């Protein structure tokens, strides 16, 4: 089993696991800043673009669990995220087909990050042609509580190089990207990069990226 964090438009590595392997998502862990829990990386004309969902700071600097983390709407992040996605993928082969599925998420307000991320994940699974069901842990599981058959990706599936660990079960396969003529292939971006570029072929790329 793979133990995963909640993610915002998770990357290709994340969806190889969520689509094809037994997984549990930990929503009882403390929210970790500067992580994929509220951030994704897409490809823009000048390279990687990071999109971050701002969250409400907990009172008295107390730590909030992932399931209790609230979204901060004091800035127009929804407009910026959607304009960035449209700018990056508006000319991709499949944006006209899939884009309308994502647009409502950037005009609707969700109080909790969990609900926003979860509905996006359910949409992505459906568009990727996966019948996987998202399951959650019933409580926080410390590393010491995990058995040898459980692979813990909560910390290592991270945008921070010092935390990331090689994953022998993931071998990213190249595919055509929107700015391929000027930018070398960038692996393991948000899975929306793969979806907008490959459409129905995205599931085959995901499957081929598993070892």
Protein backbone atom coordinates (compact mmCIF):
# COMPACT_ATOMS: atom_id res chain seq x y z
CA UNK A 1 0.00 0.00 0.00
CA UNK A 2 1.08 3.58 -0.66
CA UNK A 3 0.44 6.26 1.95
CA UNK A 4 0.01 9.58 0.17
CA UNK A 5 -0.50 13.22 1.13
CA UNK A 6 -3.45 15.21 -0.15
CA UNK A 7 -2.33 17.23 -3.18
CA UNK A 8 -3.47 20.14 -5.33
CA UNK A 9 -3.52 18.92 -8.95
CA UNK A 10 -0.93 16.28 -8.05
CA UNK A 11 1.98 15.38 -10.28
CA UNK A 12 2.43 12.45 -12.65
CA UNK A 13 4.23 10.35 -10.02
CA UNK A 14 1.30 10.83 -7.63
CA UNK A 15 -1.28 9.71 -10.19
CA UNK A 16 0.64 6.60 -11.22
CA UNK A 17 0.05 5.47 -7.65
CA UNK A 18 -3.47 6.78 -7.17
CA UNK A 19 -4.71 5.28 -10.44
CA UNK A 20 -3.08 1.87 -10.35
CA UNK A 21 -2.04 0.86 -6.82
CA UNK A 22 -3.74 0.49 -3.41
CA UNK A 23 -3.47 3.90 -1.71
CA UNK A 24 -4.56 5.74 1.39
CA UNK A 25 -4.50 9.53 1.71
CA UNK A 26 -3.60 10.96 5.10
CA UNK A 27 -5.90 13.87 5.99
CA UNK A 28 -5.11 13.71 9.70
CA UNK A 29 -1.48 14.81 9.40
CA UNK A 30 -0.52 18.40 10.15
CA UNK A 31 -0.63 20.70 7.14
CA UNK A 32 2.88 21.31 5.79
CA UNK A 33 3.66 24.65 4.15
CA UNK A 34 5.46 24.88 0.80
CA UNK A 35 4.36 21.37 -0.17
CA UNK A 36 2.23 19.83 -2.89
CA UNK A 37 -0.70 19.85 -0.46
CA UNK A 38 -1.53 23.33 -1.73
CA UNK A 39 0.87 23.72 -4.66
CA UNK A 40 1.29 22.38 -8.18
CA UNK A 41 3.83 22.93 -10.96
CA UNK A 42 2.76 23.52 -14.55
CA UNK A 43 4.73 24.42 -17.68
CA UNK A 44 4.73 28.00 -18.93
CA UNK A 45 6.50 29.66 -21.83
CA UNK A 46 9.57 30.33 -19.66
CA UNK A 47 9.65 27.06 -17.76
CA UNK A 48 8.05 25.76 -14.59
CA UNK A 49 5.28 27.86 -13.03
CA UNK A 50 4.28 27.12 -9.44
CA UNK A 51 0.69 27.76 -8.38
CA UNK A 52 -0.05 27.92 -4.66
CA UNK A 53 -3.44 27.96 -2.96
CA UNK A 54 -3.14 30.36 0.00
CA UNK A 55 -4.42 29.04 3.31
CA UNK A 56 -5.67 30.73 6.44
CA UNK A 57 -3.08 30.99 9.18
CA UNK A 58 -4.09 29.05 12.28
CA UNK A 59 -4.79 31.12 15.42
CA UNK A 60 -1.87 31.50 17.81
CA UNK A 61 0.36 29.68 15.32
CA UNK A 62 -1.27 26.37 16.25
CA UNK A 63 -0.83 23.64 13.66
CA UNK A 64 -3.92 22.64 11.70
CA UNK A 65 -4.50 19.19 10.28
CA UNK A 66 -4.97 18.86 6.54
CA UNK A 67 -8.70 18.24 6.93
CA UNK A 68 -9.08 21.44 9.00
CA UNK A 69 -7.02 23.73 6.76
CA UNK A 70 -9.07 26.59 5.34
CA UNK A 71 -8.49 28.43 2.06
CA UNK A 72 -7.64 32.15 2.16
CA UNK A 73 -9.60 34.27 -0.33
CA UNK A 74 -8.14 37.65 0.65
CA UNK A 75 -6.24 37.66 -2.66
CA UNK A 76 -7.49 36.82 -6.17
CA UNK A 77 -5.57 33.56 -6.42
CA UNK A 78 -8.37 31.77 -8.27
CA UNK A 79 -8.25 34.26 -11.13
CA UNK A 80 -4.45 34.05 -11.29
CA UNK A 81 -4.40 30.24 -11.26
CA UNK A 82 -6.99 29.90 -14.00
CA UNK A 83 -5.37 32.55 -16.19
CA UNK A 84 -2.01 30.79 -15.73
CA UNK A 85 -3.52 27.44 -16.71
CA UNK A 86 -5.26 28.94 -19.75
CA UNK A 87 -2.11 30.74 -20.83
CA UNK A 88 -0.01 27.58 -20.45
CA UNK A 89 -2.39 25.10 -22.07
CA UNK A 90 -4.83 27.08 -24.20
CA UNK A 91 -3.07 25.86 -27.36
CA UNK A 92 -2.56 22.28 -26.19
CA UNK A 93 -4.31 19.56 -28.22
CA UNK A 94 -6.91 18.72 -25.58
CA UNK A 95 -7.56 21.95 -23.69
CA UNK A 96 -10.79 22.67 -25.57
CA UNK A 97 -12.07 19.24 -24.57
CA UNK A 98 -11.02 19.23 -20.90
CA UNK A 99 -10.73 22.89 -19.92
CA UNK A 100 -14.41 23.42 -19.21
CA UNK A 101 -14.27 20.68 -16.57
CA UNK A 102 -11.74 22.69 -14.54
CA UNK A 103 -13.02 26.24 -15.01
CA UNK A 104 -15.81 26.01 -12.36
CA UNK A 105 -13.26 25.24 -9.63
CA UNK A 106 -11.84 28.74 -10.08
CA UNK A 107 -15.16 30.52 -9.73
CA UNK A 108 -16.55 28.59 -6.76
CA UNK A 109 -15.49 29.06 -3.16
CA UNK A 110 -14.52 26.09 -1.02
CA UNK A 111 -14.03 26.69 2.69
CA UNK A 112 -11.65 23.78 3.20
CA UNK A 113 -8.60 22.82 1.17
CA UNK A 114 -9.57 19.16 1.58
CA UNK A 115 -12.86 19.61 -0.28
CA UNK A 116 -11.26 21.61 -3.09
CA UNK A 117 -8.40 19.15 -3.61
CA UNK A 118 -10.61 16.10 -3.25
CA UNK A 119 -13.13 17.20 -5.89
CA UNK A 120 -10.29 18.02 -8.27
CA UNK A 121 -8.73 14.60 -7.65
CA UNK A 122 -12.05 12.85 -8.32
CA UNK A 123 -12.39 14.80 -11.56
CA UNK A 124 -8.87 13.91 -12.62
CA UNK A 125 -9.39 10.22 -11.95
CA UNK A 126 -12.52 10.29 -14.08
CA UNK A 127 -10.85 12.16 -16.96
CA UNK A 128 -7.87 9.80 -16.80
CA UNK A 129 -10.22 6.86 -17.20
CA UNK A 130 -9.46 5.41 -13.77
CA UNK A 131 -12.07 3.72 -11.61
CA UNK A 132 -9.87 3.97 -8.49
CA UNK A 133 -11.66 4.99 -5.31
CA UNK A 134 -10.02 7.52 -3.00
CA UNK A 135 -9.61 6.18 0.52
CA UNK A 136 -8.50 8.02 3.65
CA UNK A 137 -6.72 7.03 6.82
CA UNK A 138 -8.92 6.96 9.91
CA UNK A 139 -6.24 8.64 12.03
CA UNK A 140 -2.70 9.94 11.77
CA UNK A 141 -0.24 7.11 11.32
CA UNK A 142 3.28 7.75 12.50
CA UNK A 143 6.15 6.19 10.49
CA UNK A 144 6.73 3.82 13.40
CA UNK A 145 3.17 2.47 13.08
CA UNK A 146 3.51 1.52 9.42
CA UNK A 147 4.22 -2.05 8.41
CA UNK A 148 6.92 -3.07 5.97
CA UNK A 149 4.40 -3.35 3.12
CA UNK A 150 3.44 0.34 3.32
CA UNK A 151 5.41 2.92 1.34
CA UNK A 152 5.16 6.34 2.98
CA UNK A 153 5.24 9.23 0.46
CA UNK A 154 3.87 11.95 2.74
CA UNK A 155 7.20 13.73 3.13
CA UNK A 156 9.27 12.46 0.22
CA UNK A 157 6.77 13.40 -2.51
CA UNK A 158 7.86 17.00 -2.16
CA UNK A 159 8.88 20.03 -4.25
CA UNK A 160 11.83 20.54 -1.89
CA UNK A 161 14.96 18.83 -3.28
CA UNK A 162 16.25 18.08 0.21
CA UNK A 163 13.14 16.04 1.01
CA UNK A 164 12.56 14.31 -2.31
CA UNK A 165 13.71 10.70 -2.47
CA UNK A 166 14.16 8.57 -5.60
CA UNK A 167 11.19 6.34 -6.32
CA UNK A 168 12.28 3.05 -7.93
CA UNK A 169 8.67 2.38 -8.97
CA UNK A 170 8.42 5.58 -11.03
CA UNK A 171 10.21 6.10 -14.35
CA UNK A 172 8.72 9.19 -16.07
CA UNK A 173 8.04 8.68 -19.76
CA UNK A 174 8.50 11.62 -22.13
CA UNK A 175 5.55 13.01 -24.08
CA UNK A 176 4.98 16.07 -26.24
CA UNK A 177 4.61 19.28 -24.21
CA UNK A 178 3.23 22.64 -25.35
CA UNK A 179 6.60 24.39 -25.39
CA UNK A 180 8.64 21.41 -26.58
CA UNK A 181 10.22 23.45 -29.39
CA UNK A 182 11.95 25.80 -26.94
CA UNK A 183 12.07 23.92 -23.63
CA UNK A 184 13.46 20.40 -23.11
CA UNK A 185 11.00 17.88 -21.69
CA UNK A 186 10.21 18.56 -18.02
CA UNK A 187 9.09 15.41 -16.18
CA UNK A 188 6.69 15.04 -13.30
CA UNK A 189 4.69 18.24 -13.60
CA UNK A 190 1.07 18.40 -12.50
CA UNK A 191 -0.88 15.64 -14.21
CA UNK A 192 -2.96 18.32 -15.97
CA UNK A 193 0.11 18.93 -18.17
CA UNK A 194 -0.07 15.31 -19.30
CA UNK A 195 -3.86 15.37 -19.63
CA UNK A 196 -4.05 18.52 -21.75
CA UNK A 197 -1.20 17.35 -23.99
CA UNK A 198 -2.07 13.67 -24.40
CA UNK A 199 -5.80 13.46 -23.72
CA UNK A 200 -7.05 9.86 -23.82
CA UNK A 201 -3.46 8.66 -24.15
CA UNK A 202 -2.58 10.05 -20.71
CA UNK A 203 -3.47 6.79 -18.95
CA UNK A 204 -1.06 4.85 -21.19
CA UNK A 205 1.74 7.30 -20.29
CA UNK A 206 0.95 6.89 -16.60
CA UNK A 207 0.99 3.12 -16.86
CA UNK A 208 4.25 3.17 -18.82
CA UNK A 209 5.82 5.33 -16.09
CA UNK A 210 5.41 2.55 -13.53
CA UNK A 211 8.08 -0.04 -12.90
